[in-house]
Protein backbone atom coordinates (compact mmCIF):
# COMPACT_ATOMS: atom_id res chain seq x y z
CA MET A 1 42.46 -12.67 -29.46
CA ALA A 2 39.53 -15.01 -30.18
CA LYS A 3 36.37 -14.82 -28.17
CA ASN A 4 35.07 -17.91 -26.45
CA THR A 5 31.91 -18.78 -28.38
CA GLU A 6 31.12 -21.95 -26.46
CA SER A 7 28.01 -21.76 -24.35
CA ALA A 8 28.42 -22.18 -20.62
CA ALA A 9 27.78 -25.72 -19.48
CA ALA A 10 24.69 -26.13 -17.36
CA ALA A 11 25.34 -26.82 -13.70
CA PRO A 12 24.73 -30.46 -12.81
CA ALA A 13 21.51 -31.20 -11.00
CA PRO A 14 22.01 -31.51 -7.25
CA SER A 15 21.81 -34.96 -5.71
CA ILE A 16 20.47 -35.84 -2.28
CA THR A 17 23.95 -36.72 -1.03
CA ASN A 18 25.40 -33.25 -1.57
CA LEU A 19 22.51 -31.17 -0.19
CA ARG A 20 22.99 -29.12 2.95
CA LEU A 21 20.42 -27.64 5.30
CA GLY A 22 19.43 -24.22 4.04
CA ASP A 23 20.21 -24.90 0.37
CA SER A 24 17.63 -23.78 -2.18
CA VAL A 25 16.38 -26.47 -4.56
CA ARG A 26 13.41 -27.22 -6.79
CA VAL A 27 11.36 -30.31 -6.03
CA VAL A 28 8.54 -32.20 -7.70
CA VAL A 29 5.98 -34.29 -5.86
CA GLN A 30 5.16 -37.70 -7.29
CA PRO A 31 1.77 -37.89 -9.11
CA ASP A 32 0.10 -40.22 -6.60
CA VAL A 33 1.26 -38.37 -3.46
CA LEU A 34 -0.55 -35.60 -1.57
CA LEU A 35 1.94 -33.58 0.50
CA ILE A 36 1.69 -30.32 2.40
CA ASN A 37 4.42 -27.82 1.58
CA THR A 38 5.68 -26.91 5.05
CA GLU A 39 7.04 -23.57 3.79
CA SER A 40 3.83 -22.27 2.20
CA GLY A 41 1.19 -24.28 4.06
CA GLY A 42 -0.42 -25.32 0.76
CA TYR A 43 -0.16 -28.58 -1.11
CA TYR A 44 2.52 -29.47 -3.64
CA GLN A 45 1.08 -29.69 -7.15
CA PRO A 46 2.03 -33.00 -8.83
CA GLY A 47 4.51 -32.56 -11.66
CA VAL A 48 5.13 -28.85 -10.95
CA PRO A 49 8.71 -27.91 -9.98
CA THR A 50 8.47 -25.96 -6.72
CA PRO A 51 11.24 -23.97 -5.00
CA ALA A 52 12.07 -25.25 -1.54
CA THR A 53 14.62 -24.80 1.22
CA VAL A 54 16.41 -27.96 2.35
CA THR A 55 15.24 -28.98 5.82
CA ALA A 56 15.34 -32.27 7.70
CA THR A 57 11.74 -32.90 6.61
CA LEU A 58 12.54 -32.22 2.96
CA LEU A 59 15.54 -34.56 3.08
CA ARG A 60 13.38 -37.32 4.59
CA ARG A 61 10.74 -36.82 1.88
CA LEU A 62 13.42 -37.04 -0.81
CA GLN A 63 14.82 -40.24 0.73
CA ASP A 64 11.31 -41.72 1.01
CA GLY A 65 10.66 -40.97 -2.67
CA ASP A 66 7.68 -38.70 -2.00
CA LEU A 67 9.60 -35.78 -3.57
CA ALA A 68 12.21 -35.70 -6.30
CA LEU A 69 14.74 -33.01 -7.21
CA ALA A 70 13.71 -31.10 -10.33
């Protein structure tokens, strides 16, 4: 019996349309935007992928283009 030597395919990146409240994602703030991270109380660092929980505020920021999924 041969072993499967193929590497596991990476999971596709989530899109805004299939996110649900409470999901865990990584987001990146756009370079020219200054946003407060409502989970930590600090500011998002531009270009740094940051873990976040999907909330109504996070969804709005993604739709507005202030944040992007990493």
